[in-house]
Amino acid sequence: TPAIQLFETAIQENPNFDAAYYWLGISQLKN
């Protein structure tokens, strides 16, 4: 859950941050 929030923050700061979308998806899947 904290990981998801932080990956979302990274994406808010840089919407083109591709790796952040990947790990956000993996974290959401794990959750």
Full PDB file with SEQRES, HELIX, SHEET, SSBOND, CRYST1, ORIGX, SCALE, CONECT and MASTER records, all heavy atoms in Angstrom:
SEQRES   1 A   31  THR PRO ALA ILE GLN LEU PHE GLU THR ALA ILE GLN GLU          
SEQRES   2 A   31  ASN PRO ASN PHE ASP ALA ALA TYR TYR TRP LEU GLY ILE          
SEQRES   3 A   31  SER GLN LEU LYS ASN                                          
HELIX    1 AA1 PRO A    2  GLU A   13  1                                  12    
HELIX    2 AA2 ASP A   18  LYS A   30  1                                  13    
CRYST1    1.000    1.000    1.000  90.00  90.00  90.00 P 1           1          
ORIGX1      1.000000  0.000000  0.000000        0.00000                         
ORIGX2      0.000000  1.000000  0.000000        0.00000                         
ORIGX3      0.000000  0.000000  1.000000        0.00000                         
SCALE1      1.000000  0.000000  0.000000        0.00000                         
SCALE2      0.000000  1.000000  0.000000        0.00000                         
SCALE3      0.000000  0.000000  1.000000        0.00000                         
ATOM      1  N   THR A   1       0.825  -1.217   0.000  1.00  0.00           N  
ATOM      2  CA  THR A   1       0.000   0.000   0.000  1.00  0.00           C  
ATOM      3  C   THR A   1       0.859   1.267   0.000  1.00  0.00           C  
ATOM      4  O   THR A   1       0.623   2.160  -0.829  1.00  0.00           O  
ATOM      5  CB  THR A   1      -0.976  -0.008   1.191  1.00  0.00           C  
ATOM      6  OG1 THR A   1      -1.864  -1.127   1.052  1.00  0.00           O  
ATOM      7  CG2 THR A   1      -1.798   1.276   1.227  1.00  0.00           C  
ATOM      8  N   PRO A   2       1.865   1.394   0.883  1.00  0.00           N  
ATOM      9  CA  PRO A   2       2.751   2.558   0.780  1.00  0.00           C  
ATOM     10  C   PRO A   2       3.489   2.628  -0.559  1.00  0.00           C  
ATOM     11  O   PRO A   2       3.687   3.718  -1.103  1.00  0.00           O  
ATOM     12  CB  PRO A   2       3.736   2.366   1.938  1.00  0.00           C  
ATOM     13  CG  PRO A   2       3.036   1.482   2.904  1.00  0.00           C  
ATOM     14  CD  PRO A   2       2.185   0.575   2.062  1.00  0.00           C  
ATOM     15  N   ALA A   3       3.868   1.457  -1.082  1.00  0.00           N  
ATOM     16  CA  ALA A   3       4.549   1.433  -2.380  1.00  0.00           C  
ATOM     17  C   ALA A   3       3.650   2.000  -3.472  1.00  0.00           C  
ATOM     18  O   ALA A   3       4.084   2.804  -4.308  1.00  0.00           O  
ATOM     19  CB  ALA A   3       4.980   0.013  -2.727  1.00  0.00           C  
ATOM     20  N   ILE A   4       2.382   1.602  -3.463  1.00  0.00           N  
ATOM     21  CA  ILE A   4       1.428   2.105  -4.454  1.00  0.00           C  
ATOM     22  C   ILE A   4       1.316   3.612  -4.372  1.00  0.00           C  
ATOM     23  O   ILE A   4       1.369   4.320  -5.399  1.00  0.00           O  
ATOM     24  CB  ILE A   4       0.049   1.447  -4.244  1.00  0.00           C  
ATOM     25  CG1 ILE A   4       0.103  -0.026  -4.679  1.00  0.00           C  
ATOM     26  CG2 ILE A   4      -1.045   2.192  -5.014  1.00  0.00           C  
ATOM     27  CD1 ILE A   4      -1.087  -0.841  -4.221  1.00  0.00           C  
ATOM     28  N   GLN A   5       1.196   4.138  -3.168  1.00  0.00           N  
ATOM     29  CA  GLN A   5       1.074   5.585  -2.996  1.00  0.00           C  
ATOM     30  C   GLN A   5       2.307   6.317  -3.507  1.00  0.00           C  
ATOM     31  O   GLN A   5       2.194   7.366  -4.154  1.00  0.00           O  
ATOM     32  CB  GLN A   5       0.839   5.898  -1.512  1.00  0.00           C  
ATOM     33  CG  GLN A   5      -0.495   5.376  -0.988  1.00  0.00           C  
ATOM     34  CD  GLN A   5      -0.610   5.452   0.524  1.00  0.00           C  
ATOM     35  OE1 GLN A   5       0.381   5.642   1.232  1.00  0.00           O  
ATOM     36  NE2 GLN A   5      -1.827   5.296   1.033  1.00  0.00           N  
ATOM     37  N   LEU A   6       3.468   5.747  -3.252  1.00  0.00           N  
ATOM     38  CA  LEU A   6       4.712   6.397  -3.684  1.00  0.00           C  
ATOM     39  C   LEU A   6       4.913   6.290  -5.189  1.00  0.00           C  
ATOM     40  O   LEU A   6       5.387   7.234  -5.828  1.00  0.00           O  
ATOM     41  CB  LEU A   6       5.898   5.801  -2.927  1.00  0.00           C  
ATOM     42  CG  LEU A   6       5.982   6.237  -1.459  1.00  0.00           C  
ATOM     43  CD1 LEU A   6       6.881   5.302  -0.664  1.00  0.00           C  
ATOM     44  CD2 LEU A   6       6.500   7.678  -1.365  1.00  0.00           C  
ATOM     45  N   PHE A   7       4.569   5.149  -5.787  1.00  0.00           N  
ATOM     46  CA  PHE A   7       4.643   5.039  -7.253  1.00  0.00           C  
ATOM     47  C   PHE A   7       3.682   6.040  -7.905  1.00  0.00           C  
ATOM     48  O   PHE A   7       4.015   6.661  -8.927  1.00  0.00           O  
ATOM     49  CB  PHE A   7       4.328   3.617  -7.711  1.00  0.00           C  
ATOM     50  CG  PHE A   7       5.442   2.635  -7.488  1.00  0.00           C  
ATOM     51  CD1 PHE A   7       5.210   1.433  -6.823  1.00  0.00           C  
ATOM     52  CD2 PHE A   7       6.727   2.900  -7.947  1.00  0.00           C  
ATOM     53  CE1 PHE A   7       6.238   0.520  -6.617  1.00  0.00           C  
ATOM     54  CE2 PHE A   7       7.772   1.996  -7.748  1.00  0.00           C  
ATOM     55  CZ  PHE A   7       7.521   0.801  -7.066  1.00  0.00           C  
ATOM     56  N   GLU A   8       2.511   6.218  -7.308  1.00  0.00           N  
ATOM     57  CA  GLU A   8       1.558   7.204  -7.834  1.00  0.00           C  
ATOM     58  C   GLU A   8       2.126   8.618  -7.720  1.00  0.00           C  
ATOM     59  O   GLU A   8       1.936   9.443  -8.627  1.00  0.00           O  
ATOM     60  CB  GLU A   8       0.229   7.090  -7.088  1.00  0.00           C  
ATOM     61  CG  GLU A   8      -0.558   5.843  -7.454  1.00  0.00           C  
ATOM     62  CD  GLU A   8      -1.815   5.651  -6.612  1.00  0.00           C  
ATOM     63  OE1 GLU A   8      -1.897   6.251  -5.509  1.00  0.00           O  
ATOM     64  OE2 GLU A   8      -2.707   4.893  -7.056  1.00  0.00           O  
ATOM     65  N   THR A   9       2.848   8.894  -6.628  1.00  0.00           N  
ATOM     66  CA  THR A   9       3.486  10.206  -6.485  1.00  0.00           C  
ATOM     67  C   THR A   9       4.532  10.415  -7.568  1.00  0.00           C  
ATOM     68  O   THR A   9       4.628  11.501  -8.164  1.00  0.00           O  
ATOM     69  CB  THR A   9       4.135  10.327  -5.093  1.00  0.00           C  
ATOM     70  OG1 THR A   9       3.121  10.241  -4.097  1.00  0.00           O  
ATOM     71  CG2 THR A   9       4.875  11.659  -4.952  1.00  0.00           C  
ATOM     72  N   ALA A  10       5.321   9.387  -7.831  1.00  0.00           N  
ATOM     73  CA  ALA A  10       6.343   9.485  -8.887  1.00  0.00           C  
ATOM     74  C   ALA A  10       5.699   9.800 -10.232  1.00  0.00           C  
ATOM     75  O   ALA A  10       6.204  10.627 -11.010  1.00  0.00           O  
ATOM     76  CB  ALA A  10       7.139   8.187  -8.961  1.00  0.00           C  
ATOM     77  N   ILE A  11       4.574   9.164 -10.507  1.00  0.00           N  
ATOM     78  CA  ILE A  11       3.866   9.391 -11.774  1.00  0.00           C  
ATOM     79  C   ILE A  11       3.271  10.796 -11.830  1.00  0.00           C  
ATOM     80  O   ILE A  11       3.294  11.442 -12.884  1.00  0.00           O  
ATOM     81  CB  ILE A  11       2.785   8.313 -11.968  1.00  0.00           C  
ATOM     82  CG1 ILE A  11       3.450   6.960 -12.232  1.00  0.00           C  
ATOM     83  CG2 ILE A  11       1.832   8.684 -13.106  1.00  0.00           C  
ATOM     84  CD1 ILE A  11       2.517   5.772 -12.134  1.00  0.00           C  
ATOM     85  N   GLN A  12       2.777  11.284 -10.699  1.00  0.00           N  
ATOM     86  CA  GLN A  12       2.270  12.655 -10.657  1.00  0.00           C  
ATOM     87  C   GLN A  12       3.383  13.654 -10.967  1.00  0.00           C  
ATOM     88  O   GLN A  12       3.167  14.654 -11.652  1.00  0.00           O  
ATOM     89  CB  GLN A  12       1.668  12.946  -9.281  1.00  0.00           C  
ATOM     90  CG  GLN A  12       0.348  12.232  -9.019  1.00  0.00           C  
ATOM     91  CD  GLN A  12      -0.100  12.353  -7.570  1.00  0.00           C  
ATOM     92  OE1 GLN A  12       0.543  13.017  -6.762  1.00  0.00           O  
ATOM     93  NE2 GLN A  12      -1.211  11.710  -7.239  1.00  0.00           N  
ATOM     94  N   GLU A  13       4.578  13.368 -10.464  1.00  0.00           N  
ATOM     95  CA  GLU A  13       5.710  14.255 -10.711  1.00  0.00           C  
ATOM     96  C   GLU A  13       6.211  14.156 -12.145  1.00  0.00           C  
ATOM     97  O   GLU A  13       6.684  15.139 -12.718  1.00  0.00           O  
ATOM     98  CB  GLU A  13       6.858  13.941  -9.735  1.00  0.00           C  
ATOM     99  CG  GLU A  13       6.551  14.233  -8.280  1.00  0.00           C  
ATOM    100  CD  GLU A  13       6.410  15.710  -7.975  1.00  0.00           C  
ATOM    101  OE1 GLU A  13       6.909  16.536  -8.781  1.00  0.00           O  
ATOM    102  OE2 GLU A  13       5.808  16.055  -6.954  1.00  0.00           O  
ATOM    103  N   ASN A  14       6.107  12.962 -12.713  1.00  0.00           N  
ATOM    104  CA  ASN A  14       6.562  12.749 -14.086  1.00  0.00           C  
ATOM    105  C   ASN A  14       5.647  11.721 -14.760  1.00  0.00           C  
ATOM    106  O   ASN A  14       5.864  10.512 -14.632  1.00  0.00           O  
ATOM    107  CB  ASN A  14       8.008  12.256 -14.116  1.00  0.00           C  
ATOM    108  CG  ASN A  14       8.534  12.097 -15.527  1.00  0.00           C  
ATOM    109  OD1 ASN A  14       7.781  12.167 -16.502  1.00  0.00           O  
ATOM    110  ND2 ASN A  14       9.834  11.876 -15.664  1.00  0.00           N  
ATOM    111  N   PRO A  15       4.619  12.190 -15.480  1.00  0.00           N  
ATOM    112  CA  PRO A  15       3.654  11.280 -16.115  1.00  0.00           C  
ATOM    113  C   PRO A  15       4.262  10.361 -17.173  1.00  0.00           C  
ATOM    114  O   PRO A  15       3.586   9.417 -17.623  1.00  0.00           O  
ATOM    115  CB  PRO A  15       2.632  12.238 -16.740  1.00  0.00           C  
ATOM    116  CG  PRO A  15       2.776  13.511 -15.970  1.00  0.00           C  
ATOM    117  CD  PRO A  15       4.229  13.609 -15.633  1.00  0.00           C  
ATOM    118  N   ASN A  16       5.491  10.616 -17.577  1.00  0.00           N  
ATOM    119  CA  ASN A  16       6.141   9.776 -18.585  1.00  0.00           C  
ATOM    120  C   ASN A  16       7.103   8.763 -17.970  1.00  0.00           C  
ATOM    121  O   ASN A  16       7.911   8.157 -18.682  1.00  0.00           O  
ATOM    122  CB  ASN A  16       6.903  10.651 -19.579  1.00  0.00           C  
ATOM    123  CG  ASN A  16       5.974  11.571 -20.355  1.00  0.00           C  
ATOM    124  OD1 ASN A  16       4.920  11.138 -20.828  1.00  0.00           O  
ATOM    125  ND2 ASN A  16       6.335  12.839 -20.467  1.00  0.00           N  
ATOM    126  N   PHE A  17       7.033   8.571 -16.667  1.00  0.00           N  
ATOM    127  CA  PHE A  17       7.933   7.679 -15.939  1.00  0.00           C  
ATOM    128  C   PHE A  17       7.444   6.242 -16.133  1.00  0.00           C  
ATOM    129  O   PHE A  17       6.667   5.713 -15.349  1.00  0.00           O  
ATOM    130  CB  PHE A  17       7.943   8.069 -14.465  1.00  0.00           C  
ATOM    131  CG  PHE A  17       9.111   7.560 -13.674  1.00  0.00           C  
ATOM    132  CD1 PHE A  17       9.463   8.169 -12.476  1.00  0.00           C  
ATOM    133  CD2 PHE A  17       9.859   6.462 -14.086  1.00  0.00           C  
ATOM    134  CE1 PHE A  17      10.529   7.723 -11.727  1.00  0.00           C  
ATOM    135  CE2 PHE A  17      10.929   5.998 -13.349  1.00  0.00           C  
ATOM    136  CZ  PHE A  17      11.262   6.631 -12.155  1.00  0.00           C  
ATOM    137  N   ASP A  18       7.937   5.599 -17.181  1.00  0.00           N  
ATOM    138  CA  ASP A  18       7.397   4.294 -17.564  1.00  0.00           C  
ATOM    139  C   ASP A  18       7.582   3.228 -16.484  1.00  0.00           C  
ATOM    140  O   ASP A  18       6.657   2.478 -16.172  1.00  0.00           O  
ATOM    141  CB  ASP A  18       7.985   3.830 -18.904  1.00  0.00           C  
ATOM    142  CG  ASP A  18       9.508   3.854 -18.929  1.00  0.00           C  
ATOM    143  OD1 ASP A  18      10.126   4.313 -17.949  1.00  0.00           O  
ATOM    144  OD2 ASP A  18      10.087   3.430 -19.948  1.00  0.00           O  
ATOM    145  N   ALA A  19       8.766   3.145 -15.883  1.00  0.00           N  
ATOM    146  CA  ALA A  19       9.020   2.110 -14.879  1.00  0.00           C  
ATOM    147  C   ALA A  19       8.099   2.251 -13.670  1.00  0.00           C  
ATOM    148  O   ALA A  19       7.744   1.253 -13.036  1.00  0.00           O  
ATOM    149  CB  ALA A  19      10.475   2.151 -14.432  1.00  0.00           C  
ATOM    150  N   ALA A  20       7.704   3.474 -13.357  1.00  0.00           N  
ATOM    151  CA  ALA A  20       6.794   3.685 -12.229  1.00  0.00           C  
ATOM    152  C   ALA A  20       5.430   3.056 -12.507  1.00  0.00           C  
ATOM    153  O   ALA A  20       4.798   2.492 -11.598  1.00  0.00           O  
ATOM    154  CB  ALA A  20       6.649   5.180 -11.933  1.00  0.00           C  
ATOM    155  N   TYR A  21       4.963   3.133 -13.755  1.00  0.00           N  
ATOM    156  CA  TYR A  21       3.691   2.482 -14.109  1.00  0.00           C  
ATOM    157  C   TYR A  21       3.810   0.958 -13.976  1.00  0.00           C  
ATOM    158  O   TYR A  21       2.879   0.297 -13.487  1.00  0.00           O  
ATOM    159  CB  TYR A  21       3.285   2.828 -15.541  1.00  0.00           C  
ATOM    160  CG  TYR A  21       2.732   4.216 -15.718  1.00  0.00           C  
ATOM    161  CD1 TYR A  21       3.500   5.230 -16.265  1.00  0.00           C  
ATOM    162  CD2 TYR A  21       1.426   4.512 -15.337  1.00  0.00           C  
ATOM    163  CE1 TYR A  21       3.000   6.512 -16.428  1.00  0.00           C  
ATOM    164  CE2 TYR A  21       0.907   5.789 -15.498  1.00  0.00           C  
ATOM    165  CZ  TYR A  21       1.699   6.787 -16.039  1.00  0.00           C  
ATOM    166  OH  TYR A  21       1.191   8.046 -16.200  1.00  0.00           O  
ATOM    167  N   TYR A  22       4.934   0.417 -14.404  1.00  0.00           N  
ATOM    168  CA  TYR A  22       5.127  -1.030 -14.310  1.00  0.00           C  
ATOM    169  C   TYR A  22       5.059  -1.493 -12.865  1.00  0.00           C  
ATOM    170  O   TYR A  22       4.284  -2.407 -12.521  1.00  0.00           O  
ATOM    171  CB  TYR A  22       6.475  -1.424 -14.934  1.00  0.00           C  
ATOM    172  CG  TYR A  22       6.787  -2.897 -14.788  1.00  0.00           C  
ATOM    173  CD1 TYR A  22       6.280  -3.822 -15.698  1.00  0.00           C  
ATOM    174  CD2 TYR A  22       7.570  -3.359 -13.732  1.00  0.00           C  
ATOM    175  CE1 TYR A  22       6.555  -5.181 -15.563  1.00  0.00           C  
ATOM    176  CE2 TYR A  22       7.843  -4.709 -13.585  1.00  0.00           C  
ATOM    177  CZ  TYR A  22       7.337  -5.616 -14.501  1.00  0.00           C  
ATOM    178  OH  TYR A  22       7.602  -6.959 -14.353  1.00  0.00           O  
ATOM    179  N   TRP A  23       5.856  -0.855 -12.005  1.00  0.00           N  
ATOM    180  CA  TRP A  23       5.912  -1.300 -10.613  1.00  0.00           C  
ATOM    181  C   TRP A  23       4.653  -0.919  -9.841  1.00  0.00           C  
ATOM    182  O   TRP A  23       4.296  -1.598  -8.872  1.00  0.00           O  
ATOM    183  CB  TRP A  23       7.181  -0.783  -9.950  1.00  0.00           C  
ATOM    184  CG  TRP A  23       8.375  -1.534 -10.435  1.00  0.00           C  
ATOM    185  CD1 TRP A  23       9.333  -1.109 -11.310  1.00  0.00           C  
ATOM    186  CD2 TRP A  23       8.696  -2.885 -10.107  1.00  0.00           C  
ATOM    187  NE1 TRP A  23      10.241  -2.102 -11.554  1.00  0.00           N  
ATOM    188  CE2 TRP A  23       9.874  -3.212 -10.827  1.00  0.00           C  
ATOM    189  CE3 TRP A  23       8.113  -3.857  -9.300  1.00  0.00           C  
ATOM    190  CZ2 TRP A  23      10.469  -4.468 -10.742  1.00  0.00           C  
ATOM    191  CZ3 TRP A  23       8.710  -5.106  -9.212  1.00  0.00           C  
ATOM    192  CH2 TRP A  23       9.881  -5.405  -9.920  1.00  0.00           C  
ATOM    193  N   LEU A  24       3.970   0.117 -10.276  1.00  0.00           N  
ATOM    194  CA  LEU A  24       2.658   0.410  -9.696  1.00  0.00           C  
ATOM    195  C   LEU A  24       1.711  -0.744  -9.983  1.00  0.00           C  
ATOM    196  O   LEU A  24       0.996  -1.230  -9.085  1.00  0.00           O  
ATOM    197  CB  LEU A  24       2.102   1.708 -10.271  1.00  0.00           C  
ATOM    198  CG  LEU A  24       0.657   2.064  -9.885  1.00  0.00           C  
ATOM    199  CD1 LEU A  24       0.525   2.220  -8.368  1.00  0.00           C  
ATOM    200  CD2 LEU A  24       0.205   3.331 -10.601  1.00  0.00           C  
ATOM    201  N   GLY A  25       1.707  -1.208 -11.239  1.00  0.00           N  
ATOM    202  CA  GLY A  25       0.845  -2.325 -11.608  1.00  0.00           C  
ATOM    203  C   GLY A  25       1.182  -3.597 -10.838  1.00  0.00           C  
ATOM    204  O   GLY A  25       0.285  -4.306 -10.351  1.00  0.00           O  
ATOM    205  N   ILE A  26       2.471  -3.884 -10.698  1.00  0.00           N  
ATOM    206  CA  ILE A  26       2.879  -5.081  -9.967  1.00  0.00           C  
ATOM    207  C   ILE A  26       2.473  -4.973  -8.498  1.00  0.00           C  
ATOM    208  O   ILE A  26       1.982  -5.938  -7.893  1.00  0.00           O  
ATOM    209  CB  ILE A  26       4.393  -5.298 -10.097  1.00  0.00           C  
ATOM    210  CG1 ILE A  26       4.788  -5.522 -11.569  1.00  0.00           C  
ATOM    211  CG2 ILE A  26       4.849  -6.472  -9.235  1.00  0.00           C  
ATOM    212  CD1 ILE A  26       4.146  -6.722 -12.214  1.00  0.00           C  
ATOM    213  N   SER A  27       2.649  -3.782  -7.915  1.00  0.00           N  
ATOM    214  CA  SER A  27       2.268  -3.584  -6.507  1.00  0.00           C  
ATOM    215  C   SER A  27       0.761  -3.737  -6.324  1.00  0.00           C  
ATOM    216  O   SER A  27       0.293  -4.337  -5.345  1.00  0.00           O  
ATOM    217  CB  SER A  27       2.708  -2.193  -6.034  1.00  0.00           C  
ATOM    218  OG  SER A  27       4.115  -2.050  -6.118  1.00  0.00           O  
ATOM    219  N   GLN A  28       0.004  -3.197  -7.261  1.00  0.00           N  
ATOM    220  CA  GLN A  28      -1.450  -3.331  -7.190  1.00  0.00           C  
ATOM    221  C   GLN A  28      -1.874  -4.795  -7.330  1.00  0.00           C  
ATOM    222  O   GLN A  28      -2.803  -5.253  -6.646  1.00  0.00           O  
ATOM    223  CB  GLN A  28      -2.105  -2.477  -8.278  1.00  0.00           C  
ATOM    224  CG  GLN A  28      -1.964  -0.975  -8.009  1.00  0.00           C  
ATOM    225  CD  GLN A  28      -2.245  -0.123  -9.224  1.00  0.00           C  
ATOM    226  OE1 GLN A  28      -2.039  -0.551 -10.366  1.00  0.00           O  
ATOM    227  NE2 GLN A  28      -2.706   1.102  -8.993  1.00  0.00           N  
ATOM    228  N   LEU A  29      -1.169  -5.504  -8.184  1.00  0.00           N  
ATOM    229  CA  LEU A  29      -1.450  -6.928  -8.348  1.00  0.00           C  
ATOM    230  C   LEU A  29      -1.165  -7.684  -7.047  1.00  0.00           C  
ATOM    231  O   LEU A  29      -1.979  -8.501  -6.603  1.00  0.00           O  
ATOM    232  CB  LEU A  29      -0.600  -7.477  -9.493  1.00  0.00           C  
ATOM    233  CG  LEU A  29      -0.883  -8.894  -9.986  1.00  0.00           C  
ATOM    234  CD1 LEU A  29      -2.312  -9.035 -10.471  1.00  0.00           C  
ATOM    235  CD2 LEU A  29       0.107  -9.272 -11.087  1.00  0.00           C  
ATOM    236  N   LYS A  30      -0.023  -7.403  -6.434  1.00  0.00           N  
ATOM    237  CA  LYS A  30       0.330  -8.036  -5.160  1.00  0.00           C  
ATOM    238  C   LYS A  30      -0.676  -7.689  -4.077  1.00  0.00           C  
ATOM    239  O   LYS A  30      -0.903  -8.477  -3.150  1.00  0.00           O  
ATOM    240  CB  LYS A  30       1.728  -7.589  -4.724  1.00  0.00           C  
ATOM    241  CG  LYS A  30       2.862  -8.043  -5.617  1.00  0.00           C  
ATOM    242  CD  LYS A  30       3.139  -9.525  -5.447  1.00  0.00           C  
ATOM    243  CE  LYS A  30       4.370  -9.951  -6.238  1.00  0.00           C  
ATOM    244  NZ  LYS A  30       4.657 -11.407  -6.079  1.00  0.00           N  
ATOM    245  N   ASN A  31      -1.272  -6.504  -4.187  1.00  0.00           N  
ATOM    246  CA  ASN A  31      -2.227  -6.035  -3.189  1.00  0.00           C  
ATOM    247  C   ASN A  31      -3.653  -6.526  -3.462  1.00  0.00           C  
ATOM    248  O   ASN A  31      -4.575  -6.197  -2.726  1.00  0.00           O  
ATOM    249  CB  ASN A  31      -2.219  -4.500  -3.153  1.00  0.00           C  
ATOM    250  CG  ASN A  31      -2.383  -3.946  -1.750  1.00  0.00           C  
ATOM    251  OD1 ASN A  31      -1.947  -4.563  -0.776  1.00  0.00           O  
ATOM    252  ND2 ASN A  31      -2.997  -2.782  -1.629  1.00  0.00           N  
TER     253      ASN A  31                                                      
MASTER        0    0    0    2    0    0    0    6  252    1    0    3          
END                                                                             
